[in-house]
Amino acid sequence: MAKRENDSFSVKDLMQSFIKENNLSKGMQKIKVEETWLKMMGPGVASHTNSVKLQNKTLIIQLNSSVLREELSYGKEKILKMMKEEIGEEVISKLMLV
């Protein structure tokens, strides 16, 4: 019978090493960005959001309301700053509302 190692690891550390070993960090960032957008903007904006994409550090938000798109465009810098703070990494450098 094999001997068990007594080293203990947290689930967070194990998940991070798994993500790093399997090159899943970009995919995880995309998921985190989408979840952050929906959480920060609330159900009102989320109901008018068709898609949230992250491409080359550009966050592309597709909205089905031109009025909402115009309103959000006035606060692009604030939205970008809030998203960066919430995510905690330098993942987004530009915001596009389409």
PDB file of N, CA and C in Angstrom:
ATOM      1  N   MET A   1       0.831  -1.184   0.000  1.00  0.00           N
ATOM      2  CA  MET A   1       0.000   0.000   0.000  1.00  0.00           C
ATOM      3  C   MET A   1       0.878   1.251   0.000  1.00  0.00           C
ATOM      4  N   ALA A   2       0.462   2.234  -0.776  1.00  0.00           N
ATOM      5  CA  ALA A   2       1.222   3.482  -0.869  1.00  0.00           C
ATOM      6  C   ALA A   2       0.961   4.340   0.356  1.00  0.00           C
ATOM      7  N   LYS A   3       1.998   5.041   0.750  1.00  0.00           N
ATOM      8  CA  LYS A   3       1.880   5.926   1.898  1.00  0.00           C
ATOM      9  C   LYS A   3       1.244   7.246   1.487  1.00  0.00           C
ATOM     10  N   ARG A   4       0.394   7.773   2.305  1.00  0.00           N
ATOM     11  CA  ARG A   4      -0.243   9.059   2.029  1.00  0.00           C
ATOM     12  C   ARG A   4       0.662  10.191   2.470  1.00  0.00           C
ATOM     13  N   GLU A   5       0.642  11.239   1.679  1.00  0.00           N
ATOM     14  CA  GLU A   5       1.395  12.431   2.067  1.00  0.00           C
ATOM     15  C   GLU A   5       0.557  13.239   3.042  1.00  0.00           C
ATOM     16  N   ASN A   6       1.215  13.825   4.005  1.00  0.00           N
ATOM     17  CA  ASN A   6       0.508  14.609   5.013  1.00  0.00           C
ATOM     18  C   ASN A   6       0.428  16.085   4.651  1.00  0.00           C
ATOM     19  N   ASP A   7       0.907  16.446   3.465  1.00  0.00           N
ATOM     20  CA  ASP A   7       0.813  17.839   3.042  1.00  0.00           C
ATOM     21  C   ASP A   7      -0.645  18.188   2.772  1.00  0.00           C
ATOM     22  N   SER A   8      -1.069  19.319   3.309  1.00  0.00           N
ATOM     23  CA  SER A   8      -2.442  19.740   3.059  1.00  0.00           C
ATOM     24  C   SER A   8      -2.418  20.998   2.197  1.00  0.00           C
ATOM     25  N   PHE A   9      -3.323  21.042   1.266  1.00  0.00           N
ATOM     26  CA  PHE A   9      -3.433  22.172   0.350  1.00  0.00           C
ATOM     27  C   PHE A   9      -4.861  22.689   0.393  1.00  0.00           C
ATOM     28  N   SER A  10      -4.996  23.987   0.217  1.00  0.00           N
ATOM     29  CA  SER A  10      -6.348  24.538   0.154  1.00  0.00           C
ATOM     30  C   SER A  10      -6.916  24.268  -1.237  1.00  0.00           C
ATOM     31  N   VAL A  11      -8.222  24.236  -1.320  1.00  0.00           N
ATOM     32  CA  VAL A  11      -8.896  24.001  -2.597  1.00  0.00           C
ATOM     33  C   VAL A  11      -8.552  25.121  -3.574  1.00  0.00           C
ATOM     34  N   LYS A  12      -8.439  26.333  -3.067  1.00  0.00           N
ATOM     35  CA  LYS A  12      -8.101  27.481  -3.917  1.00  0.00           C
ATOM     36  C   LYS A  12      -6.732  27.285  -4.571  1.00  0.00           C
ATOM     37  N   ASP A  13      -5.744  26.852  -3.787  1.00  0.00           N
ATOM     38  CA  ASP A  13      -4.405  26.626  -4.335  1.00  0.00           C
ATOM     39  C   ASP A  13      -4.409  25.510  -5.364  1.00  0.00           C
ATOM     40  N   LEU A  14      -5.147  24.455  -5.082  1.00  0.00           N
ATOM     41  CA  LEU A  14      -5.230  23.337  -6.025  1.00  0.00           C
ATOM     42  C   LEU A  14      -5.889  23.769  -7.334  1.00  0.00           C
ATOM     43  N   MET A  15      -6.956  24.561  -7.244  1.00  0.00           N
ATOM     44  CA  MET A  15      -7.645  25.034  -8.448  1.00  0.00           C
ATOM     45  C   MET A  15      -6.738  25.959  -9.266  1.00  0.00           C
ATOM     46  N   GLN A  16      -6.017  26.836  -8.590  1.00  0.00           N
ATOM     47  CA  GLN A  16      -5.121  27.742  -9.301  1.00  0.00           C
ATOM     48  C   GLN A  16      -4.014  26.988 -10.017  1.00  0.00           C
ATOM     49  N   SER A  17      -3.460  25.974  -9.379  1.00  0.00           N
ATOM     50  CA  SER A  17      -2.410  25.201 -10.044  1.00  0.00           C
ATOM     51  C   SER A  17      -2.988  24.397 -11.210  1.00  0.00           C
ATOM     52  N   PHE A  18      -4.195  23.875 -11.065  1.00  0.00           N
ATOM     53  CA  PHE A  18      -4.846  23.142 -12.152  1.00  0.00           C
ATOM     54  C   PHE A  18      -5.099  24.057 -13.350  1.00  0.00           C
ATOM     55  N   ILE A  19      -5.585  25.267 -13.075  1.00  0.00           N
ATOM     56  CA  ILE A  19      -5.865  26.240 -14.137  1.00  0.00           C
ATOM     57  C   ILE A  19      -4.576  26.619 -14.849  1.00  0.00           C
ATOM     58  N   LYS A  20      -3.515  26.830 -14.086  1.00  0.00           N
ATOM     59  CA  LYS A  20      -2.234  27.217 -14.679  1.00  0.00           C
ATOM     60  C   LYS A  20      -1.637  26.079 -15.513  1.00  0.00           C
ATOM     61  N   GLU A  21      -1.692  24.861 -15.012  1.00  0.00           N
ATOM     62  CA  GLU A  21      -1.122  23.706 -15.718  1.00  0.00           C
ATOM     63  C   GLU A  21      -1.843  23.423 -17.023  1.00  0.00           C
ATOM     64  N   ASN A  22      -3.147  23.675 -17.075  1.00  0.00           N
ATOM     65  CA  ASN A  22      -3.945  23.352 -18.254  1.00  0.00           C
ATOM     66  C   ASN A  22      -4.244  24.562 -19.139  1.00  0.00           C
ATOM     67  N   ASN A  23      -3.550  25.670 -18.896  1.00  0.00           N
ATOM     68  CA  ASN A  23      -3.705  26.893 -19.691  1.00  0.00           C
ATOM     69  C   ASN A  23      -5.167  27.344 -19.801  1.00  0.00           C
ATOM     70  N   LEU A  24      -5.839  27.390 -18.679  1.00  0.00           N
ATOM     71  CA  LEU A  24      -7.249  27.786 -18.650  1.00  0.00           C
ATOM     72  C   LEU A  24      -7.458  29.197 -18.131  1.00  0.00           C
ATOM     73  N   SER A  25      -6.384  29.939 -17.896  1.00  0.00           N
ATOM     74  CA  SER A  25      -6.523  31.250 -17.262  1.00  0.00           C
ATOM     75  C   SER A  25      -7.304  32.250 -18.109  1.00  0.00           C
ATOM     76  N   LYS A  26      -7.106  32.234 -19.427  1.00  0.00           N
ATOM     77  CA  LYS A  26      -7.858  33.173 -20.278  1.00  0.00           C
ATOM     78  C   LYS A  26      -9.348  32.871 -20.247  1.00  0.00           C
ATOM     79  N   GLY A  27      -9.710  31.621 -20.285  1.00  0.00           N
ATOM     80  CA  GLY A  27     -11.115  31.229 -20.223  1.00  0.00           C
ATOM     81  C   GLY A  27     -11.743  31.602 -18.891  1.00  0.00           C
ATOM     82  N   MET A  28     -10.988  31.422 -17.821  1.00  0.00           N
ATOM     83  CA  MET A  28     -11.495  31.773 -16.497  1.00  0.00           C
ATOM     84  C   MET A  28     -11.665  33.292 -16.372  1.00  0.00           C
ATOM     85  N   GLN A  29     -10.756  34.050 -16.981  1.00  0.00           N
ATOM     86  CA  GLN A  29     -10.879  35.506 -16.963  1.00  0.00           C
ATOM     87  C   GLN A  29     -12.140  35.948 -17.687  1.00  0.00           C
ATOM     88  N   LYS A  30     -12.435  35.313 -18.814  1.00  0.00           N
ATOM     89  CA  LYS A  30     -13.637  35.667 -19.573  1.00  0.00           C
ATOM     90  C   LYS A  30     -14.889  35.404 -18.754  1.00  0.00           C
ATOM     91  N   ILE A  31     -14.915  34.287 -18.059  1.00  0.00           N
ATOM     92  CA  ILE A  31     -16.074  33.949 -17.220  1.00  0.00           C
ATOM     93  C   ILE A  31     -16.203  34.952 -16.078  1.00  0.00           C
ATOM     94  N   LYS A  32     -15.079  35.293 -15.459  1.00  0.00           N
ATOM     95  CA  LYS A  32     -15.106  36.237 -14.341  1.00  0.00           C
ATOM     96  C   LYS A  32     -15.572  37.622 -14.796  1.00  0.00           C
ATOM     97  N   VAL A  33     -15.139  38.044 -15.977  1.00  0.00           N
ATOM     98  CA  VAL A  33     -15.549  39.346 -16.510  1.00  0.00           C
ATOM     99  C   VAL A  33     -17.054  39.369 -16.749  1.00  0.00           C
ATOM    100  N   GLU A  34     -17.581  38.302 -17.333  1.00  0.00           N
ATOM    101  CA  GLU A  34     -19.022  38.238 -17.598  1.00  0.00           C
ATOM    102  C   GLU A  34     -19.821  38.257 -16.293  1.00  0.00           C
ATOM    103  N   GLU A  35     -19.389  37.477 -15.311  1.00  0.00           N
ATOM    104  CA  GLU A  35     -20.081  37.451 -14.022  1.00  0.00           C
ATOM    105  C   GLU A  35     -20.019  38.817 -13.334  1.00  0.00           C
ATOM    106  N   THR A  36     -18.873  39.475 -13.437  1.00  0.00           N
ATOM    107  CA  THR A  36     -18.705  40.794 -12.819  1.00  0.00           C
ATOM    108  C   THR A  36     -19.617  41.822 -13.462  1.00  0.00           C
ATOM    109  N   TRP A  37     -19.724  41.789 -14.796  1.00  0.00           N
ATOM    110  CA  TRP A  37     -20.618  42.723 -15.506  1.00  0.00           C
ATOM    111  C   TRP A  37     -22.051  42.551 -15.027  1.00  0.00           C
ATOM    112  N   LEU A  38     -22.534  41.324 -14.987  1.00  0.00           N
ATOM    113  CA  LEU A  38     -23.919  41.075 -14.593  1.00  0.00           C
ATOM    114  C   LEU A  38     -24.160  41.454 -13.137  1.00  0.00           C
ATOM    115  N   LYS A  39     -23.169  41.202 -12.275  1.00  0.00           N
ATOM    116  CA  LYS A  39     -23.308  41.520 -10.856  1.00  0.00           C
ATOM    117  C   LYS A  39     -23.296  43.036 -10.629  1.00  0.00           C
ATOM    118  N   MET A  40     -22.376  43.735 -11.280  1.00  0.00           N
ATOM    119  CA  MET A  40     -22.234  45.169 -11.053  1.00  0.00           C
ATOM    120  C   MET A  40     -23.359  45.986 -11.670  1.00  0.00           C
ATOM    121  N   MET A  41     -23.835  45.594 -12.828  1.00  0.00           N
ATOM    122  CA  MET A  41     -24.843  46.383 -13.530  1.00  0.00           C
ATOM    123  C   MET A  41     -26.257  46.092 -13.042  1.00  0.00           C
ATOM    124  N   GLY A  42     -26.456  44.980 -12.401  1.00  0.00           N
ATOM    125  CA  GLY A  42     -27.763  44.663 -11.851  1.00  0.00           C
ATOM    126  C   GLY A  42     -28.713  44.059 -12.872  1.00  0.00           C
ATOM    127  N   PRO A  43     -29.885  43.647 -12.420  1.00  0.00           N
ATOM    128  CA  PRO A  43     -30.831  42.948 -13.293  1.00  0.00           C
ATOM    129  C   PRO A  43     -31.418  43.823 -14.403  1.00  0.00           C
ATOM    130  N   GLY A  44     -31.520  45.127 -14.176  1.00  0.00           N
ATOM    131  CA  GLY A  44     -32.074  46.020 -15.209  1.00  0.00           C
ATOM    132  C   GLY A  44     -31.218  46.056 -16.453  1.00  0.00           C
ATOM    133  N   VAL A  45     -29.916  46.265 -16.282  1.00  0.00           N
ATOM    134  CA  VAL A  45     -28.994  46.309 -17.417  1.00  0.00           C
ATOM    135  C   VAL A  45     -28.767  44.895 -17.950  1.00  0.00           C
ATOM    136  N   ALA A  46     -28.702  43.920 -17.055  1.00  0.00           N
ATOM    137  CA  ALA A  46     -28.472  42.536 -17.472  1.00  0.00           C
ATOM    138  C   ALA A  46     -29.572  42.035 -18.397  1.00  0.00           C
ATOM    139  N   SER A  47     -30.808  42.495 -18.185  1.00  0.00           N
ATOM    140  CA  SER A  47     -31.906  42.052 -19.042  1.00  0.00           C
ATOM    141  C   SER A  47     -31.792  42.609 -20.462  1.00  0.00           C
ATOM    142  N   HIS A  48     -31.048  43.698 -20.624  1.00  0.00           N
ATOM    143  CA  HIS A  48     -30.856  44.299 -21.947  1.00  0.00           C
ATOM    144  C   HIS A  48     -29.492  43.950 -22.548  1.00  0.00           C
ATOM    145  N   THR A  49     -28.726  43.111 -21.859  1.00  0.00           N
ATOM    146  CA  THR A  49     -27.410  42.708 -22.337  1.00  0.00           C
ATOM    147  C   THR A  49     -27.536  41.409 -23.117  1.00  0.00           C
ATOM    148  N   ASN A  50     -27.123  41.443 -24.391  1.00  0.00           N
ATOM    149  CA  ASN A  50     -27.157  40.233 -25.219  1.00  0.00           C
ATOM    150  C   ASN A  50     -25.919  39.391 -25.039  1.00  0.00           C
ATOM    151  N   SER A  51     -24.751  40.018 -25.024  1.00  0.00           N
ATOM    152  CA  SER A  51     -23.520  39.247 -24.836  1.00  0.00           C
ATOM    153  C   SER A  51     -22.432  40.104 -24.216  1.00  0.00           C
ATOM    154  N   VAL A  52     -21.530  39.411 -23.516  1.00  0.00           N
ATOM    155  CA  VAL A  52     -20.371  40.032 -22.891  1.00  0.00           C
ATOM    156  C   VAL A  52     -19.168  39.238 -23.366  1.00  0.00           C
ATOM    157  N   LYS A  53     -18.262  39.913 -24.091  1.00  0.00           N
ATOM    158  CA  LYS A  53     -17.081  39.232 -24.636  1.00  0.00           C
ATOM    159  C   LYS A  53     -15.828  39.979 -24.227  1.00  0.00           C
ATOM    160  N   LEU A  54     -14.749  39.227 -24.063  1.00  0.00           N
ATOM    161  CA  LEU A  54     -13.446  39.812 -23.787  1.00  0.00           C
ATOM    162  C   LEU A  54     -12.505  39.391 -24.904  1.00  0.00           C
ATOM    163  N   GLN A  55     -12.044  40.350 -25.682  1.00  0.00           N
ATOM    164  CA  GLN A  55     -11.124  40.078 -26.783  1.00  0.00           C
ATOM    165  C   GLN A  55      -9.960  41.050 -26.716  1.00  0.00           C
ATOM    166  N   ASN A  56      -8.767  40.527 -26.573  1.00  0.00           N
ATOM    167  CA  ASN A  56      -7.549  41.345 -26.559  1.00  0.00           C
ATOM    168  C   ASN A  56      -7.642  42.533 -25.609  1.00  0.00           C
ATOM    169  N   LYS A  57      -8.028  42.281 -24.380  1.00  0.00           N
ATOM    170  CA  LYS A  57      -8.178  43.295 -23.322  1.00  0.00           C
ATOM    171  C   LYS A  57      -9.260  44.323 -23.624  1.00  0.00           C
ATOM    172  N   THR A  58     -10.137  44.034 -24.580  1.00  0.00           N
ATOM    173  CA  THR A  58     -11.267  44.909 -24.879  1.00  0.00           C
ATOM    174  C   THR A  58     -12.548  44.200 -24.456  1.00  0.00           C
ATOM    175  N   LEU A  59     -13.315  44.829 -23.593  1.00  0.00           N
ATOM    176  CA  LEU A  59     -14.593  44.292 -23.151  1.00  0.00           C
ATOM    177  C   LEU A  59     -15.658  44.779 -24.119  1.00  0.00           C
ATOM    178  N   ILE A  60     -16.301  43.851 -24.811  1.00  0.00           N
ATOM    179  CA  ILE A  60     -17.319  44.175 -25.807  1.00  0.00           C
ATOM    180  C   ILE A  60     -18.680  43.785 -25.238  1.00  0.00           C
ATOM    181  N   ILE A  61     -19.522  44.768 -25.041  1.00  0.00           N
ATOM    182  CA  ILE A  61     -20.854  44.558 -24.483  1.00  0.00           C
ATOM    183  C   ILE A  61     -21.866  44.800 -25.585  1.00  0.00           C
ATOM    184  N   GLN A  62     -22.677  43.798 -25.891  1.00  0.00           N
ATOM    185  CA  GLN A  62     -23.729  43.943 -26.897  1.00  0.00           C
ATOM    186  C   GLN A  62     -25.047  44.144 -26.168  1.00  0.00           C
ATOM    187  N   LEU A  63     -25.669  45.285 -26.434  1.00  0.00           N
ATOM    188  CA  LEU A  63     -26.931  45.655 -25.784  1.00  0.00           C
ATOM    189  C   LEU A  63     -28.051  45.705 -26.809  1.00  0.00           C
ATOM    190  N   ASN A  64     -29.270  45.407 -26.367  1.00  0.00           N
ATOM    191  CA  ASN A  64     -30.411  45.454 -27.282  1.00  0.00           C
ATOM    192  C   ASN A  64     -31.223  46.738 -27.129  1.00  0.00           C
ATOM    193  N   SER A  65     -30.695  47.700 -26.381  1.00  0.00           N
ATOM    194  CA  SER A  65     -31.374  48.981 -26.182  1.00  0.00           C
ATOM    195  C   SER A  65     -30.420  50.127 -26.533  1.00  0.00           C
ATOM    196  N   SER A  66     -30.778  50.890 -27.559  1.00  0.00           N
ATOM    197  CA  SER A  66     -29.923  52.007 -27.962  1.00  0.00           C
ATOM    198  C   SER A  66     -29.908  53.108 -26.902  1.00  0.00           C
ATOM    199  N   VAL A  67     -31.000  53.284 -26.199  1.00  0.00           N
ATOM    200  CA  VAL A  67     -31.075  54.301 -25.152  1.00  0.00           C
ATOM    201  C   VAL A  67     -30.128  53.945 -24.013  1.00  0.00           C
ATOM    202  N   LEU A  68     -30.146  52.691 -23.600  1.00  0.00           N
ATOM    203  CA  LEU A  68     -29.254  52.226 -22.540  1.00  0.00           C
ATOM    204  C   LEU A  68     -27.791  52.327 -22.981  1.00  0.00           C
ATOM    205  N   ARG A  69     -27.524  51.970 -24.227  1.00  0.00           N
ATOM    206  CA  ARG A  69     -26.163  52.059 -24.768  1.00  0.00           C
ATOM    207  C   ARG A  69     -25.648  53.496 -24.667  1.00  0.00           C
ATOM    208  N   GLU A  70     -26.494  54.449 -25.031  1.00  0.00           N
ATOM    209  CA  GLU A  70     -26.115  55.863 -24.980  1.00  0.00           C
ATOM    210  C   GLU A  70     -25.874  56.306 -23.535  1.00  0.00           C
ATOM    211  N   GLU A  71     -26.745  55.914 -22.631  1.00  0.00           N
ATOM    212  CA  GLU A  71     -26.589  56.269 -21.219  1.00  0.00           C
ATOM    213  C   GLU A  71     -25.300  55.698 -20.638  1.00  0.00           C
ATOM    214  N   LEU A  72     -25.005  54.432 -20.942  1.00  0.00           N
ATOM    215  CA  LEU A  72     -23.798  53.807 -20.417  1.00  0.00           C
ATOM    216  C   LEU A  72     -22.535  54.397 -21.038  1.00  0.00           C
ATOM    217  N   SER A  73     -22.634  54.893 -22.262  1.00  0.00           N
ATOM    218  CA  SER A  73     -21.454  55.457 -22.922  1.00  0.00           C
ATOM    219  C   SER A  73     -20.944  56.697 -22.195  1.00  0.00           C
ATOM    220  N   TYR A  74     -21.831  57.416 -21.498  1.00  0.00           N
ATOM    221  CA  TYR A  74     -21.411  58.600 -20.744  1.00  0.00           C
ATOM    222  C   TYR A  74     -20.536  58.217 -19.544  1.00  0.00           C
ATOM    223  N   GLY A  75     -20.720  57.014 -19.020  1.00  0.00           N
ATOM    224  CA  GLY A  75     -19.972  56.577 -17.847  1.00  0.00           C
ATOM    225  C   GLY A  75     -18.970  55.479 -18.138  1.00  0.00           C
ATOM    226  N   LYS A  76     -18.459  55.414 -19.363  1.00  0.00           N
ATOM    227  CA  LYS A  76     -17.529  54.346 -19.750  1.00  0.00           C
ATOM    228  C   LYS A  76     -16.308  54.257 -18.830  1.00  0.00           C
ATOM    229  N   GLU A  77     -15.707  55.387 -18.553  1.00  0.00           N
ATOM    230  CA  GLU A  77     -14.489  55.400 -17.725  1.00  0.00           C
ATOM    231  C   GLU A  77     -14.776  54.895 -16.309  1.00  0.00           C
ATOM    232  N   LYS A  78     -15.911  55.305 -15.765  1.00  0.00           N
ATOM    233  CA  LYS A  78     -16.282  54.860 -14.416  1.00  0.00           C
ATOM    234  C   LYS A  78     -16.570  53.352 -14.414  1.00  0.00           C
ATOM    235  N   ILE A  79     -17.264  52.865 -15.424  1.00  0.00           N
ATOM    236  CA  ILE A  79     -17.564  51.436 -15.529  1.00  0.00           C
ATOM    237  C   ILE A  79     -16.271  50.643 -15.644  1.00  0.00           C
ATOM    238  N   LEU A  80     -15.352  51.122 -16.481  1.00  0.00           N
ATOM    239  CA  LEU A  80     -14.073  50.464 -16.675  1.00  0.00           C
ATOM    240  C   LEU A  80     -13.284  50.401 -15.366  1.00  0.00           C
ATOM    241  N   LYS A  81     -13.266  51.500 -14.637  1.00  0.00           N
ATOM    242  CA  LYS A  81     -12.553  51.562 -13.356  1.00  0.00           C
ATOM    243  C   LYS A  81     -13.172  50.588 -12.342  1.00  0.00           C
ATOM    244  N   MET A  82     -14.504  50.565 -12.271  1.00  0.00           N
ATOM    245  CA  MET A  82     -15.187  49.672 -11.336  1.00  0.00           C
ATOM    246  C   MET A  82     -14.945  48.209 -11.683  1.00  0.00           C
ATOM    247  N   MET A  83     -14.946  47.890 -12.965  1.00  0.00           N
ATOM    248  CA  MET A  83     -14.698  46.510 -13.398  1.00  0.00           C
ATOM    249  C   MET A  83     -13.282  46.080 -13.030  1.00  0.00           C
ATOM    250  N   LYS A  84     -12.312  46.959 -13.260  1.00  0.00           N
ATOM    251  CA  LYS A  84     -10.917  46.655 -12.931  1.00  0.00           C
ATOM    252  C   LYS A  84     -10.755  46.406 -11.439  1.00  0.00           C
ATOM    253  N   GLU A  85     -11.403  47.236 -10.625  1.00  0.00           N
ATOM    254  CA  GLU A  85     -11.311  47.079  -9.171  1.00  0.00           C
ATOM    255  C   GLU A  85     -11.945  45.770  -8.712  1.00  0.00           C
ATOM    256  N   GLU A  86     -13.075  45.432  -9.286  1.00  0.00           N
ATOM    257  CA  GLU A  86     -13.793  44.216  -8.894  1.00  0.00           C
ATOM    258  C   GLU A  86     -13.035  42.956  -9.290  1.00  0.00           C
ATOM    259  N   ILE A  87     -12.469  42.953 -10.485  1.00  0.00           N
ATOM    260  CA  ILE A  87     -11.755  41.772 -10.977  1.00  0.00           C
ATOM    261  C   ILE A  87     -10.407  41.640 -10.284  1.00  0.00           C
ATOM    262  N   GLY A  88      -9.743  42.761 -10.044  1.00  0.00           N
ATOM    263  CA  GLY A  88      -8.484  42.734  -9.327  1.00  0.00           C
ATOM    264  C   GLY A  88      -7.263  42.473 -10.194  1.00  0.00           C
ATOM    265  N   GLU A  89      -7.447  42.292 -11.465  1.00  0.00           N
ATOM    266  CA  GLU A  89      -6.343  42.071 -12.386  1.00  0.00           C
ATOM    267  C   GLU A  89      -6.457  43.070 -13.533  1.00  0.00           C
ATOM    268  N   GLU A  90      -5.368  43.281 -14.236  1.00  0.00           N
ATOM    269  CA  GLU A  90      -5.376  44.161 -15.399  1.00  0.00           C
ATOM    270  C   GLU A  90      -5.804  43.339 -16.614  1.00  0.00           C
ATOM    271  N   VAL A  91      -7.086  43.041 -16.697  1.00  0.00           N
ATOM    272  CA  VAL A  91      -7.642  42.207 -17.771  1.00  0.00           C
ATOM    273  C   VAL A  91      -8.277  43.069 -18.845  1.00  0.00           C
ATOM    274  N   ILE A  92      -8.855  44.199 -18.445  1.00  0.00           N
ATOM    275  CA  ILE A  92      -9.597  45.066 -19.366  1.00  0.00           C
ATOM    276  C   ILE A  92      -8.874  46.396 -19.509  1.00  0.00           C
ATOM    277  N   SER A  93      -8.704  46.842 -20.759  1.00  0.00           N
ATOM    278  CA  SER A  93      -8.120  48.164 -20.971  1.00  0.00           C
ATOM    279  C   SER A  93      -9.052  49.081 -21.764  1.00  0.00           C
ATOM    280  N   LYS A  94     -10.078  48.501 -22.390  1.00  0.00           N
ATOM    281  CA  LYS A  94     -10.991  49.297 -23.227  1.00  0.00           C
ATOM    282  C   LYS A  94     -12.397  48.709 -23.113  1.00  0.00           C
ATOM    283  N   LEU A  95     -13.408  49.563 -23.220  1.00  0.00           N
ATOM    284  CA  LEU A  95     -14.805  49.141 -23.159  1.00  0.00           C
ATOM    285  C   LEU A  95     -15.509  49.590 -24.444  1.00  0.00           C
ATOM    286  N   MET A  96     -16.156  48.647 -25.099  1.00  0.00           N
ATOM    287  CA  MET A  96     -16.930  48.941 -26.310  1.00  0.00           C
ATOM    288  C   MET A  96     -18.382  48.557 -26.079  1.00  0.00           C
ATOM    289  N   LEU A  97     -19.293  49.478 -26.324  1.00  0.00           N
ATOM    290  CA  LEU A  97     -20.724  49.192 -26.220  1.00  0.00           C
ATOM    291  C   LEU A  97     -21.288  49.140 -27.630  1.00  0.00           C
ATOM    292  N   VAL A  98     -21.820  47.987 -28.003  1.00  0.00           N
ATOM    293  CA  VAL A  98     -22.381  47.821 -29.362  1.00  0.00           C
ATOM    294  C   VAL A  98     -23.812  47.368 -29.288  1.00  0.00           C
TER     295      VAL A  98
END
